[in-house]
Amino acid sequence: MRYQSKQYVRWDDLDAFGHVNNAVYLTYAQEARFAWSGILEMVVARAEVDFIAPIYDGDTFLDIELWVSAIGNSSFTMTYEIKMKGELVARVKTVQVTVDMGTKKSHPIDDEQRAFLTKYLETE
C-alpha cells in the first residue's frame, strides 16, 4: 500500500532560476513522512534524490506517494515519488533508524512498528 500526500509549493521554495531548489525536495519528503509516520520515532540516516524534471513557479501542488521498500532490524528504507500534474518529477529514497527519544539511541523495530511498516511494504 502507498501513502498519499499533497504538498504546496511555497514562494520561498524557489531559487533564482524560478524553480524549486534541490534541497527542498527533501523537505517535501520529510513533510509527507511526518504525516505518515504514526507510531514511529525515527531519524534519517541517509537520503538520495533523483531529479527527473524541474518544478517551476506556478505549479502549486505536488502529489507525493511513499512506501516502505525494505525493513531491517532497527532501520527501514522508504521510497517516494513526487509528481506534478501526474508526471514524475523526482524519486527520493531515505533510510530511517528507529530511536528511543528518551535515550536518543537506536533500538530494534518492535512488533507493532513492524506491523505498521509491513502494511506499506512494496519491494522493487
PDB file of N, CA and C in Angstrom:
ATOM      1  N   MET A   1       0.848  -1.169   0.000  1.00  0.00           N
ATOM      2  CA  MET A   1       0.000   0.000   0.000  1.00  0.00           C
ATOM      3  C   MET A   1       0.898   1.238   0.000  1.00  0.00           C
ATOM      4  N   ARG A   2       0.448   2.276  -0.679  1.00  0.00           N
ATOM      5  CA  ARG A   2       1.191   3.539  -0.709  1.00  0.00           C
ATOM      6  C   ARG A   2       0.415   4.618   0.043  1.00  0.00           C
ATOM      7  N   TYR A   3       1.170   5.459   0.715  1.00  0.00           N
ATOM      8  CA  TYR A   3       0.590   6.605   1.408  1.00  0.00           C
ATOM      9  C   TYR A   3       0.601   7.787   0.439  1.00  0.00           C
ATOM     10  N   GLN A   4      -0.481   8.543   0.415  1.00  0.00           N
ATOM     11  CA  GLN A   4      -0.619   9.692  -0.476  1.00  0.00           C
ATOM     12  C   GLN A   4      -0.549  10.980   0.325  1.00  0.00           C
ATOM     13  N   SER A   5       0.202  11.951  -0.183  1.00  0.00           N
ATOM     14  CA  SER A   5       0.325  13.257   0.462  1.00  0.00           C
ATOM     15  C   SER A   5       0.288  14.334  -0.611  1.00  0.00           C
ATOM     16  N   LYS A   6      -0.254  15.472  -0.266  1.00  0.00           N
ATOM     17  CA  LYS A   6      -0.262  16.615  -1.171  1.00  0.00           C
ATOM     18  C   LYS A   6       0.561  17.717  -0.518  1.00  0.00           C
ATOM     19  N   GLN A   7       1.494  18.281  -1.270  1.00  0.00           N
ATOM     20  CA  GLN A   7       2.362  19.344  -0.771  1.00  0.00           C
ATOM     21  C   GLN A   7       2.141  20.605  -1.604  1.00  0.00           C
ATOM     22  N   TYR A   8       2.274  21.712  -0.961  1.00  0.00           N
ATOM     23  CA  TYR A   8       2.112  23.009  -1.608  1.00  0.00           C
ATOM     24  C   TYR A   8       3.487  23.611  -1.873  1.00  0.00           C
ATOM     25  N   VAL A   9       3.726  24.084  -3.091  1.00  0.00           N
ATOM     26  CA  VAL A   9       4.983  24.757  -3.411  1.00  0.00           C
ATOM     27  C   VAL A   9       4.886  26.193  -2.912  1.00  0.00           C
ATOM     28  N   ARG A  10       5.748  26.519  -1.969  1.00  0.00           N
ATOM     29  CA  ARG A  10       5.748  27.858  -1.376  1.00  0.00           C
ATOM     30  C   ARG A  10       6.708  28.779  -2.133  1.00  0.00           C
ATOM     31  N   TRP A  11       6.470  30.063  -2.057  1.00  0.00           N
ATOM     32  CA  TRP A  11       7.303  31.028  -2.753  1.00  0.00           C
ATOM     33  C   TRP A  11       8.766  30.879  -2.350  1.00  0.00           C
ATOM     34  N   ASP A  12       9.023  30.661  -1.066  1.00  0.00           N
ATOM     35  CA  ASP A  12      10.416  30.573  -0.633  1.00  0.00           C
ATOM     36  C   ASP A  12      11.072  29.228  -0.970  1.00  0.00           C
ATOM     37  N   ASP A  13      10.337  28.318  -1.616  1.00  0.00           N
ATOM     38  CA  ASP A  13      10.928  27.076  -2.130  1.00  0.00           C
ATOM     39  C   ASP A  13      11.707  27.321  -3.421  1.00  0.00           C
ATOM     40  N   LEU A  14      11.453  28.465  -4.044  1.00  0.00           N
ATOM     41  CA  LEU A  14      12.028  28.751  -5.362  1.00  0.00           C
ATOM     42  C   LEU A  14      13.406  29.379  -5.261  1.00  0.00           C
ATOM     43  N   ASP A  15      14.244  29.082  -6.235  1.00  0.00           N
ATOM     44  CA  ASP A  15      15.574  29.680  -6.286  1.00  0.00           C
ATOM     45  C   ASP A  15      15.598  30.811  -7.313  1.00  0.00           C
ATOM     46  N   ALA A  16      16.766  31.332  -7.592  1.00  0.00           N
ATOM     47  CA  ALA A  16      16.910  32.471  -8.508  1.00  0.00           C
ATOM     48  C   ALA A  16      16.478  32.145  -9.930  1.00  0.00           C
ATOM     49  N   PHE A  17      16.432  30.882 -10.291  1.00  0.00           N
ATOM     50  CA  PHE A  17      16.011  30.477 -11.630  1.00  0.00           C
ATOM     51  C   PHE A  17      14.499  30.272 -11.740  1.00  0.00           C
ATOM     52  N   GLY A  18      13.794  30.457 -10.624  1.00  0.00           N
ATOM     53  CA  GLY A  18      12.342  30.320 -10.641  1.00  0.00           C
ATOM     54  C   GLY A  18      11.850  28.885 -10.525  1.00  0.00           C
ATOM     55  N   HIS A  19      12.729  27.971 -10.158  1.00  0.00           N
ATOM     56  CA  HIS A  19      12.257  26.608  -9.909  1.00  0.00           C
ATOM     57  C   HIS A  19      12.610  26.191  -8.480  1.00  0.00           C
ATOM     58  N   VAL A  20      11.998  25.109  -8.032  1.00  0.00           N
ATOM     59  CA  VAL A  20      12.188  24.644  -6.668  1.00  0.00           C
ATOM     60  C   VAL A  20      13.649  24.256  -6.465  1.00  0.00           C
ATOM     61  N   ASN A  21      14.238  24.774  -5.390  1.00  0.00           N
ATOM     62  CA  ASN A  21      15.615  24.471  -5.027  1.00  0.00           C
ATOM     63  C   ASN A  21      15.751  22.985  -4.729  1.00  0.00           C
ATOM     64  N   ASN A  22      16.856  22.393  -5.146  1.00  0.00           N
ATOM     65  CA  ASN A  22      17.056  20.950  -4.985  1.00  0.00           C
ATOM     66  C   ASN A  22      16.884  20.475  -3.543  1.00  0.00           C
ATOM     67  N   ALA A  23      17.346  21.234  -2.571  1.00  0.00           N
ATOM     68  CA  ALA A  23      17.260  20.818  -1.173  1.00  0.00           C
ATOM     69  C   ALA A  23      15.814  20.700  -0.695  1.00  0.00           C
ATOM     70  N   VAL A  24      14.911  21.429  -1.309  1.00  0.00           N
ATOM     71  CA  VAL A  24      13.513  21.454  -0.870  1.00  0.00           C
ATOM     72  C   VAL A  24      12.803  20.132  -1.159  1.00  0.00           C
ATOM     73  N   TYR A  25      13.285  19.377  -2.132  1.00  0.00           N
ATOM     74  CA  TYR A  25      12.678  18.076  -2.416  1.00  0.00           C
ATOM     75  C   TYR A  25      12.714  17.195  -1.172  1.00  0.00           C
ATOM     76  N   LEU A  26      13.796  17.296  -0.405  1.00  0.00           N
ATOM     77  CA  LEU A  26      13.886  16.525   0.836  1.00  0.00           C
ATOM     78  C   LEU A  26      12.896  17.033   1.882  1.00  0.00           C
ATOM     79  N   THR A  27      12.602  18.322   1.853  1.00  0.00           N
ATOM     80  CA  THR A  27      11.584  18.867   2.755  1.00  0.00           C
ATOM     81  C   THR A  27      10.211  18.309   2.395  1.00  0.00           C
ATOM     82  N   TYR A  28       9.905  18.229   1.095  1.00  0.00           N
ATOM     83  CA  TYR A  28       8.621  17.638   0.687  1.00  0.00           C
ATOM     84  C   TYR A  28       8.520  16.187   1.168  1.00  0.00           C
ATOM     85  N   ALA A  29       9.603  15.426   1.029  1.00  0.00           N
ATOM     86  CA  ALA A  29       9.612  14.042   1.510  1.00  0.00           C
ATOM     87  C   ALA A  29       9.433  14.002   3.028  1.00  0.00           C
ATOM     88  N   GLN A  30      10.117  14.896   3.723  1.00  0.00           N
ATOM     89  CA  GLN A  30      10.018  14.953   5.181  1.00  0.00           C
ATOM     90  C   GLN A  30       8.598  15.253   5.635  1.00  0.00           C
ATOM     91  N   GLU A  31       7.948  16.210   4.997  1.00  0.00           N
ATOM     92  CA  GLU A  31       6.578  16.570   5.374  1.00  0.00           C
ATOM     93  C   GLU A  31       5.628  15.394   5.155  1.00  0.00           C
ATOM     94  N   ALA A  32       5.788  14.682   4.052  1.00  0.00           N
ATOM     95  CA  ALA A  32       4.947  13.511   3.786  1.00  0.00           C
ATOM     96  C   ALA A  32       5.228  12.411   4.803  1.00  0.00           C
ATOM     97  N   ARG A  33       6.513  12.185   5.089  1.00  0.00           N
ATOM     98  CA  ARG A  33       6.902  11.149   6.058  1.00  0.00           C
ATOM     99  C   ARG A  33       6.359  11.466   7.444  1.00  0.00           C
ATOM    100  N   PHE A  34       6.403  12.718   7.853  1.00  0.00           N
ATOM    101  CA  PHE A  34       5.896  13.121   9.158  1.00  0.00           C
ATOM    102  C   PHE A  34       4.390  12.847   9.265  1.00  0.00           C
ATOM    103  N   ALA A  35       3.633  13.186   8.221  1.00  0.00           N
ATOM    104  CA  ALA A  35       2.187  12.940   8.237  1.00  0.00           C
ATOM    105  C   ALA A  35       1.887  11.445   8.280  1.00  0.00           C
ATOM    106  N   TRP A  36       2.718  10.636   7.639  1.00  0.00           N
ATOM    107  CA  TRP A  36       2.526   9.189   7.554  1.00  0.00           C
ATOM    108  C   TRP A  36       2.975   8.455   8.813  1.00  0.00           C
ATOM    109  N   SER A  37       3.973   8.962   9.520  1.00  0.00           N
ATOM    110  CA  SER A  37       4.768   8.193  10.465  1.00  0.00           C
ATOM    111  C   SER A  37       4.039   7.543  11.627  1.00  0.00           C
ATOM    112  N   GLY A  38       2.932   8.070  12.055  1.00  0.00           N
ATOM    113  CA  GLY A  38       2.150   7.398  13.097  1.00  0.00           C
ATOM    114  C   GLY A  38       2.921   7.080  14.346  1.00  0.00           C
ATOM    115  N   ILE A  39       3.172   5.807  14.605  1.00  0.00           N
ATOM    116  CA  ILE A  39       3.745   5.329  15.865  1.00  0.00           C
ATOM    117  C   ILE A  39       5.275   5.313  15.872  1.00  0.00           C
ATOM    118  N   LEU A  40       5.905   5.815  14.832  1.00  0.00           N
ATOM    119  CA  LEU A  40       7.352   5.665  14.699  1.00  0.00           C
ATOM    120  C   LEU A  40       8.126   6.873  15.200  1.00  0.00           C
ATOM    121  N   GLU A  41       9.144   6.600  15.966  1.00  0.00           N
ATOM    122  CA  GLU A  41      10.128   7.620  16.331  1.00  0.00           C
ATOM    123  C   GLU A  41      11.398   7.234  15.599  1.00  0.00           C
ATOM    124  N   MET A  42      11.887   8.137  14.744  1.00  0.00           N
ATOM    125  CA  MET A  42      12.977   7.765  13.850  1.00  0.00           C
ATOM    126  C   MET A  42      13.810   8.978  13.484  1.00  0.00           C
ATOM    127  N   VAL A  43      14.992   8.695  12.973  1.00  0.00           N
ATOM    128  CA  VAL A  43      15.842   9.728  12.394  1.00  0.00           C
ATOM    129  C   VAL A  43      16.252   9.252  11.008  1.00  0.00           C
ATOM    130  N   VAL A  44      16.554  10.197  10.142  1.00  0.00           N
ATOM    131  CA  VAL A  44      17.010   9.856   8.798  1.00  0.00           C
ATOM    132  C   VAL A  44      18.524   9.640   8.842  1.00  0.00           C
ATOM    133  N   ALA A  45      18.953   8.489   8.357  1.00  0.00           N
ATOM    134  CA  ALA A  45      20.370   8.158   8.330  1.00  0.00           C
ATOM    135  C   ALA A  45      20.972   8.371   6.936  1.00  0.00           C
ATOM    136  N   ARG A  46      20.135   8.350   5.906  1.00  0.00           N
ATOM    137  CA  ARG A  46      20.605   8.504   4.530  1.00  0.00           C
ATOM    138  C   ARG A  46      19.461   9.025   3.681  1.00  0.00           C
ATOM    139  N   ALA A  47      19.810   9.866   2.698  1.00  0.00           N
ATOM    140  CA  ALA A  47      18.809  10.376   1.759  1.00  0.00           C
ATOM    141  C   ALA A  47      19.455  10.545   0.392  1.00  0.00           C
ATOM    142  N   GLU A  48      18.696  10.206  -0.647  1.00  0.00           N
ATOM    143  CA  GLU A  48      19.156  10.419  -2.013  1.00  0.00           C
ATOM    144  C   GLU A  48      17.970  10.848  -2.879  1.00  0.00           C
ATOM    145  N   VAL A  49      18.259  11.676  -3.860  1.00  0.00           N
ATOM    146  CA  VAL A  49      17.207  12.202  -4.724  1.00  0.00           C
ATOM    147  C   VAL A  49      17.621  12.045  -6.181  1.00  0.00           C
ATOM    148  N   ASP A  50      16.720  11.511  -6.991  1.00  0.00           N
ATOM    149  CA  ASP A  50      16.876  11.530  -8.438  1.00  0.00           C
ATOM    150  C   ASP A  50      15.964  12.625  -8.964  1.00  0.00           C
ATOM    151  N   PHE A  51      16.567  13.671  -9.520  1.00  0.00           N
ATOM    152  CA  PHE A  51      15.811  14.790 -10.073  1.00  0.00           C
ATOM    153  C   PHE A  51      15.481  14.462 -11.525  1.00  0.00           C
ATOM    154  N   ILE A  52      14.207  14.386 -11.835  1.00  0.00           N
ATOM    155  CA  ILE A  52      13.775  13.967 -13.171  1.00  0.00           C
ATOM    156  C   ILE A  52      13.344  15.163 -14.009  1.00  0.00           C
ATOM    157  N   ALA A  53      12.614  16.084 -13.414  1.00  0.00           N
ATOM    158  CA  ALA A  53      12.161  17.284 -14.130  1.00  0.00           C
ATOM    159  C   ALA A  53      12.039  18.418 -13.123  1.00  0.00           C
ATOM    160  N   PRO A  54      12.284  19.656 -13.557  1.00  0.00           N
ATOM    161  CA  PRO A  54      12.178  20.781 -12.620  1.00  0.00           C
ATOM    162  C   PRO A  54      10.730  21.092 -12.265  1.00  0.00           C
ATOM    163  N   ILE A  55      10.570  21.667 -11.083  1.00  0.00           N
ATOM    164  CA  ILE A  55       9.263  22.168 -10.638  1.00  0.00           C
ATOM    165  C   ILE A  55       9.366  23.677 -10.678  1.00  0.00           C
ATOM    166  N   TYR A  56       8.553  24.297 -11.517  1.00  0.00           N
ATOM    167  CA  TYR A  56       8.599  25.749 -11.686  1.00  0.00           C
ATOM    168  C   TYR A  56       7.508  26.443 -10.897  1.00  0.00           C
ATOM    169  N   ASP A  57       7.731  27.736 -10.651  1.00  0.00           N
ATOM    170  CA  ASP A  57       6.724  28.603 -10.041  1.00  0.00           C
ATOM    171  C   ASP A  57       5.414  28.443 -10.808  1.00  0.00           C
ATOM    172  N   GLY A  58       4.317  28.429 -10.116  1.00  0.00           N
ATOM    173  CA  GLY A  58       3.013  28.273 -10.756  1.00  0.00           C
ATOM    174  C   GLY A  58       2.500  26.853 -10.679  1.00  0.00           C
ATOM    175  N   ASP A  59       3.375  25.896 -10.450  1.00  0.00           N
ATOM    176  CA  ASP A  59       2.975  24.509 -10.247  1.00  0.00           C
ATOM    177  C   ASP A  59       2.773  24.335  -8.745  1.00  0.00           C
ATOM    178  N   THR A  60       1.611  24.753  -8.256  1.00  0.00           N
ATOM    179  CA  THR A  60       1.456  24.983  -6.826  1.00  0.00           C
ATOM    180  C   THR A  60       1.271  23.733  -5.968  1.00  0.00           C
ATOM    181  N   PHE A  61       0.766  22.651  -6.519  1.00  0.00           N
ATOM    182  CA  PHE A  61       0.554  21.452  -5.707  1.00  0.00           C
ATOM    183  C   PHE A  61       1.312  20.268  -6.275  1.00  0.00           C
ATOM    184  N   LEU A  62       1.846  19.480  -5.376  1.00  0.00           N
ATOM    185  CA  LEU A  62       2.561  18.262  -5.740  1.00  0.00           C
ATOM    186  C   LEU A  62       1.894  17.083  -5.047  1.00  0.00           C
ATOM    187  N   ASP A  63       1.867  15.964  -5.734  1.00  0.00           N
ATOM    188  CA  ASP A  63       1.382  14.722  -5.141  1.00  0.00           C
ATOM    189  C   ASP A  63       2.588  13.866  -4.805  1.00  0.00           C
ATOM    190  N   ILE A  64       2.628  13.371  -3.578  1.00  0.00           N
ATOM    191  CA  ILE A  64       3.735  12.540  -3.130  1.00  0.00           C
ATOM    192  C   ILE A  64       3.180  11.201  -2.676  1.00  0.00           C
ATOM    193  N   GLU A  65       3.728  10.140  -3.253  1.00  0.00           N
ATOM    194  CA  GLU A  65       3.407   8.791  -2.814  1.00  0.00           C
ATOM    195  C   GLU A  65       4.638   8.249  -2.110  1.00  0.00           C
ATOM    196  N   LEU A  66       4.422   7.586  -0.997  1.00  0.00           N
ATOM    197  CA  LEU A  66       5.554   6.966  -0.314  1.00  0.00           C
ATOM    198  C   LEU A  66       5.180   5.562   0.106  1.00  0.00           C
ATOM    199  N   TRP A  67       6.230   4.740   0.203  1.00  0.00           N
ATOM    200  CA  TRP A  67       6.053   3.374   0.657  1.00  0.00           C
ATOM    201  C   TRP A  67       7.369   2.885   1.252  1.00  0.00           C
ATOM    202  N   VAL A  68       7.269   1.796   1.982  1.00  0.00           N
ATOM    203  CA  VAL A  68       8.437   1.160   2.590  1.00  0.00           C
ATOM    204  C   VAL A  68       8.976   0.159   1.583  1.00  0.00           C
ATOM    205  N   SER A  69      10.277   0.238   1.297  1.00  0.00           N
ATOM    206  CA  SER A  69      10.854  -0.676   0.312  1.00  0.00           C
ATOM    207  C   SER A  69      11.749  -1.748   0.935  1.00  0.00           C
ATOM    208  N   ALA A  70      12.098  -1.606   2.203  1.00  0.00           N
ATOM    209  CA  ALA A  70      12.863  -2.641   2.912  1.00  0.00           C
ATOM    210  C   ALA A  70      12.746  -2.408   4.420  1.00  0.00           C
ATOM    211  N   ILE A  71      12.735  -3.501   5.175  1.00  0.00           N
ATOM    212  CA  ILE A  71      12.680  -3.428   6.639  1.00  0.00           C
ATOM    213  C   ILE A  71      13.821  -4.263   7.204  1.00  0.00           C
ATOM    214  N   GLY A  72      14.633  -3.644   8.048  1.00  0.00           N
ATOM    215  CA  GLY A  72      15.734  -4.351   8.699  1.00  0.00           C
ATOM    216  C   GLY A  72      15.441  -4.562  10.167  1.00  0.00           C
ATOM    217  N   ASN A  73      16.503  -4.671  10.990  1.00  0.00           N
ATOM    218  CA  ASN A  73      16.339  -4.880  12.432  1.00  0.00           C
ATOM    219  C   ASN A  73      15.984  -3.595  13.170  1.00  0.00           C
ATOM    220  N   SER A  74      16.698  -2.509  12.861  1.00  0.00           N
ATOM    221  CA  SER A  74      16.415  -1.228  13.516  1.00  0.00           C
ATOM    222  C   SER A  74      16.303  -0.097  12.498  1.00  0.00           C
ATOM    223  N   SER A  75      16.272  -0.445  11.226  1.00  0.00           N
ATOM    224  CA  SER A  75      16.151   0.573  10.186  1.00  0.00           C
ATOM    225  C   SER A  75      15.211   0.085   9.095  1.00  0.00           C
ATOM    226  N   PHE A  76      14.766   1.025   8.291  1.00  0.00           N
ATOM    227  CA  PHE A  76      13.930   0.691   7.146  1.00  0.00           C
ATOM    228  C   PHE A  76      14.155   1.740   6.057  1.00  0.00           C
ATOM    229  N   THR A  77      13.900   1.328   4.828  1.00  0.00           N
ATOM    230  CA  THR A  77      14.095   2.189   3.667  1.00  0.00           C
ATOM    231  C   THR A  77      12.733   2.577   3.108  1.00  0.00           C
ATOM    232  N   MET A  78      12.632   3.840   2.706  1.00  0.00           N
ATOM    233  CA  MET A  78      11.400   4.339   2.100  1.00  0.00           C
ATOM    234  C   MET A  78      11.704   4.899   0.728  1.00  0.00           C
ATOM    235  N   THR A  79      10.736   4.784  -0.157  1.00  0.00           N
ATOM    236  CA  THR A  79      10.803   5.375  -1.489  1.00  0.00           C
ATOM    237  C   THR A  79       9.639   6.339  -1.627  1.00  0.00           C
ATOM    238  N   TYR A  80       9.902   7.452  -2.289  1.00  0.00           N
ATOM    239  CA  TYR A  80       8.896   8.491  -2.500  1.00  0.00           C
ATOM    240  C   TYR A  80       8.891   8.841  -3.983  1.00  0.00           C
ATOM    241  N   GLU A  81       7.728   9.052  -4.542  1.00  0.00           N
ATOM    242  CA  GLU A  81       7.615   9.606  -5.881  1.00  0.00           C
ATOM    243  C   GLU A  81       6.911  10.948  -5.765  1.00  0.00           C
ATOM    244  N   ILE A  82       7.562  11.966  -6.283  1.00  0.00           N
ATOM    245  CA  ILE A  82       6.981  13.306  -6.291  1.00  0.00           C
ATOM    246  C   ILE A  82       6.463  13.554  -7.694  1.00  0.00           C
ATOM    247  N   LYS A  83       5.179  13.875  -7.795  1.00  0.00           N
ATOM    248  CA  LYS A  83       4.549  14.078  -9.097  1.00  0.00           C
ATOM    249  C   LYS A  83       3.920  15.462  -9.171  1.00  0.00           C
ATOM    250  N   MET A  84       3.994  16.027 -10.352  1.00  0.00           N
ATOM    251  CA  MET A  84       3.368  17.316 -10.627  1.00  0.00           C
ATOM    252  C   MET A  84       2.443  17.105 -11.822  1.00  0.00           C
ATOM    253  N   LYS A  85       1.167  17.342 -11.607  1.00  0.00           N
ATOM    254  CA  LYS A  85       0.162  17.153 -12.661  1.00  0.00           C
ATOM    255  C   LYS A  85       0.255  15.760 -13.279  1.00  0.00           C
ATOM    256  N   GLY A  86       0.473  14.755 -12.409  1.00  0.00           N
ATOM    257  CA  GLY A  86       0.524  13.368 -12.849  1.00  0.00           C
ATOM    258  C   GLY A  86       1.859  12.906 -13.410  1.00  0.00           C
ATOM    259  N   GLU A  87       2.808  13.813 -13.599  1.00  0.00           N
ATOM    260  CA  GLU A  87       4.114  13.465 -14.154  1.00  0.00           C
ATOM    261  C   GLU A  87       5.154  13.342 -13.042  1.00  0.00           C
ATOM    262  N   LEU A  88       5.955  12.290 -13.102  1.00  0.00           N
ATOM    263  CA  LEU A  88       7.004  12.077 -12.114  1.00  0.00           C
ATOM    264  C   LEU A  88       8.096  13.132 -12.287  1.00  0.00           C
ATOM    265  N   VAL A  89       8.392  13.876 -11.207  1.00  0.00           N
ATOM    266  CA  VAL A  89       9.441  14.903 -11.269  1.00  0.00           C
ATOM    267  C   VAL A  89      10.651  14.539 -10.406  1.00  0.00           C
ATOM    268  N   ALA A  90      10.472  13.643  -9.428  1.00  0.00           N
ATOM    269  CA  ALA A  90      11.605  13.224  -8.593  1.00  0.00           C
ATOM    270  C   ALA A  90      11.273  11.922  -7.888  1.00  0.00           C
ATOM    271  N   ARG A  91      12.333  11.173  -7.622  1.00  0.00           N
ATOM    272  CA  ARG A  91      12.222   9.973  -6.798  1.00  0.00           C
ATOM    273  C   ARG A  91      13.224  10.135  -5.659  1.00  0.00           C
ATOM    274  N   VAL A  92      12.748   9.919  -4.441  1.00  0.00           N
ATOM    275  CA  VAL A  92      13.565  10.088  -3.244  1.00  0.00           C
ATOM    276  C   VAL A  92      13.629   8.749  -2.521  1.00  0.00           C
ATOM    277  N   LYS A  93      14.796   8.444  -1.963  1.00  0.00           N
ATOM    278  CA  LYS A  93      14.937   7.279  -1.089  1.00  0.00           C
ATOM    279  C   LYS A  93      15.581   7.743   0.199  1.00  0.00           C
ATOM    280  N   THR A  94      15.056   7.237   1.314  1.00  0.00           N
ATOM    281  CA  THR A  94      15.636   7.548   2.619  1.00  0.00           C
ATOM    282  C   THR A  94      15.742   6.268   3.442  1.00  0.00           C
ATOM    283  N   VAL A  95      16.730   6.256   4.319  1.00  0.00           N
ATOM    284  CA  VAL A  95      16.859   5.186   5.303  1.00  0.00           C
ATOM    285  C   VAL A  95      16.624   5.820   6.662  1.00  0.00           C
ATOM    286  N   GLN A  96      15.692   5.257   7.400  1.00  0.00           N
ATOM    287  CA  GLN A  96      15.374   5.721   8.752  1.00  0.00           C
ATOM    288  C   GLN A  96      15.854   4.699   9.763  1.00  0.00           C
ATOM    289  N   VAL A  97      16.273   5.198  10.913  1.00  0.00           N
ATOM    290  CA  VAL A  97      16.643   4.353  12.040  1.00  0.00           C
ATOM    291  C   VAL A  97      15.671   4.659  13.167  1.00  0.00           C
ATOM    292  N   THR A  98      15.081   3.612  13.740  1.00  0.00           N
ATOM    293  CA  THR A  98      14.168   3.820  14.867  1.00  0.00           C
ATOM    294  C   THR A  98      14.998   4.166  16.105  1.00  0.00           C
ATOM    295  N   VAL A  99      14.484   5.130  16.870  1.00  0.00           N
ATOM    296  CA  VAL A  99      15.208   5.609  18.047  1.00  0.00           C
ATOM    297  C   VAL A  99      14.266   5.695  19.241  1.00  0.00           C
ATOM    298  N   ASP A 100      14.864   5.639  20.396  1.00  0.00           N
ATOM    299  CA  ASP A 100      14.162   5.919  21.642  1.00  0.00           C
ATOM    300  C   ASP A 100      14.415   7.394  21.920  1.00  0.00           C
ATOM    301  N   MET A 101      13.379   8.196  21.929  1.00  0.00           N
ATOM    302  CA  MET A 101      13.556   9.636  22.082  1.00  0.00           C
ATOM    303  C   MET A 101      14.077  10.002  23.471  1.00  0.00           C
ATOM    304  N   GLY A 102      13.880   9.136  24.439  1.00  0.00           N
ATOM    305  CA  GLY A 102      14.413   9.395  25.774  1.00  0.00           C
ATOM    306  C   GLY A 102      15.925   9.241  25.840  1.00  0.00           C
ATOM    307  N   THR A 103      16.421   8.165  25.256  1.00  0.00           N
ATOM    308  CA  THR A 103      17.863   7.896  25.298  1.00  0.00           C
ATOM    309  C   THR A 103      18.603   8.433  24.077  1.00  0.00           C
ATOM    310  N   LYS A 104      17.842   8.743  23.005  1.00  0.00           N
ATOM    311  CA  LYS A 104      18.426   9.205  21.730  1.00  0.00           C
ATOM    312  C   LYS A 104      19.305   8.124  21.093  1.00  0.00           C
ATOM    313  N   LYS A 105      18.987   6.860  21.365  1.00  0.00           N
ATOM    314  CA  LYS A 105      19.741   5.745  20.790  1.00  0.00           C
ATOM    315  C   LYS A 105      18.815   4.875  19.953  1.00  0.00           C
ATOM    316  N   SER A 106      19.421   4.205  18.980  1.00  0.00           N
ATOM    317  CA  SER A 106      18.626   3.314  18.137  1.00  0.00           C
ATOM    318  C   SER A 106      18.159   2.099  18.935  1.00  0.00           C
ATOM    319  N   HIS A 107      17.094   1.497  18.446  1.00  0.00           N
ATOM    320  CA  HIS A 107      16.589   0.270  19.062  1.00  0.00           C
ATOM    321  C   HIS A 107      15.954  -0.582  17.974  1.00  0.00           C
ATOM    322  N   PRO A 108      15.815  -1.876  18.225  1.00  0.00           N
ATOM    323  CA  PRO A 108      15.178  -2.746  17.234  1.00  0.00           C
ATOM    324  C   PRO A 108      13.719  -2.332  17.001  1.00  0.00           C
ATOM    325  N   ILE A 109      13.259  -2.543  15.785  1.00  0.00           N
ATOM    326  CA  ILE A 109      11.861  -2.289  15.445  1.00  0.00           C
ATOM    327  C   ILE A 109      11.010  -3.301  16.205  1.00  0.00           C
ATOM    328  N   ASP A 110      10.017  -2.795  16.965  1.00  0.00           N
ATOM    329  CA  ASP A 110       9.174  -3.720  17.736  1.00  0.00           C
ATOM    330  C   ASP A 110       8.056  -4.288  16.858  1.00  0.00           C
ATOM    331  N   ASP A 111       7.287  -5.207  17.410  1.00  0.00           N
ATOM    332  CA  ASP A 111       6.254  -5.900  16.632  1.00  0.00           C
ATOM    333  C   ASP A 111       5.188  -4.945  16.104  1.00  0.00           C
ATOM    334  N   GLU A 112       4.766  -3.985  16.919  1.00  0.00           N
ATOM    335  CA  GLU A 112       3.747  -3.028  16.485  1.00  0.00           C
ATOM    336  C   GLU A 112       4.277  -2.164  15.339  1.00  0.00           C
ATOM    337  N   GLN A 113       5.499  -1.693  15.463  1.00  0.00           N
ATOM    338  CA  GLN A 113       6.111  -0.892  14.403  1.00  0.00           C
ATOM    339  C   GLN A 113       6.297  -1.719  13.132  1.00  0.00           C
ATOM    340  N   ARG A 114       6.745  -2.956  13.278  1.00  0.00           N
ATOM    341  CA  ARG A 114       6.955  -3.823  12.118  1.00  0.00           C
ATOM    342  C   ARG A 114       5.634  -4.081  11.390  1.00  0.00           C
ATOM    343  N   ALA A 115       4.557  -4.275  12.145  1.00  0.00           N
ATOM    344  CA  ALA A 115       3.240  -4.484  11.520  1.00  0.00           C
ATOM    345  C   ALA A 115       2.815  -3.238  10.748  1.00  0.00           C
ATOM    346  N   PHE A 116       3.047  -2.053  11.318  1.00  0.00           N
ATOM    347  CA  PHE A 116       2.736  -0.793  10.634  1.00  0.00           C
ATOM    348  C   PHE A 116       3.546  -0.679   9.341  1.00  0.00           C
ATOM    349  N   LEU A 117       4.848  -0.892   9.430  1.00  0.00           N
ATOM    350  CA  LEU A 117       5.726  -0.777   8.258  1.00  0.00           C
ATOM    351  C   LEU A 117       5.340  -1.791   7.173  1.00  0.00           C
ATOM    352  N   THR A 118       5.003  -2.987   7.590  1.00  0.00           N
ATOM    353  CA  THR A 118       4.671  -4.062   6.635  1.00  0.00           C
ATOM    354  C   THR A 118       3.438  -3.707   5.817  1.00  0.00           C
ATOM    355  N   LYS A 119       2.497  -2.958   6.381  1.00  0.00           N
ATOM    356  CA  LYS A 119       1.313  -2.527   5.608  1.00  0.00           C
ATOM    357  C   LYS A 119       1.713  -1.729   4.378  1.00  0.00           C
ATOM    358  N   TYR A 120       2.841  -1.024   4.448  1.00  0.00           N
ATOM    359  CA  TYR A 120       3.287  -0.149   3.355  1.00  0.00           C
ATOM    360  C   TYR A 120       4.448  -0.741   2.566  1.00  0.00           C
ATOM    361  N   LEU A 121       4.772  -1.998   2.814  1.00  0.00           N
ATOM    362  CA  LEU A 121       5.921  -2.627   2.174  1.00  0.00           C
ATOM    363  C   LEU A 121       5.616  -2.986   0.728  1.00  0.00           C
ATOM    364  N   GLU A 122       6.432  -2.486  -0.174  1.00  0.00           N
ATOM    365  CA  GLU A 122       6.416  -2.845  -1.585  1.00  0.00           C
ATOM    366  C   GLU A 122       7.860  -3.042  -1.996  1.00  0.00           C
ATOM    367  N   THR A 123       8.218  -4.253  -2.357  1.00  0.00           N
ATOM    368  CA  THR A 123       9.595  -4.481  -2.800  1.00  0.00           C
ATOM    369  C   THR A 123       9.696  -4.137  -4.281  1.00  0.00           C
ATOM    370  N   GLU A 124      10.863  -3.650  -4.636  1.00  0.00           N
ATOM    371  CA  GLU A 124      11.055  -3.185  -6.026  1.00  0.00           C
ATOM    372  C   GLU A 124      11.661  -4.251  -6.894  1.00  0.00           C
TER     373      GLU A 124
END
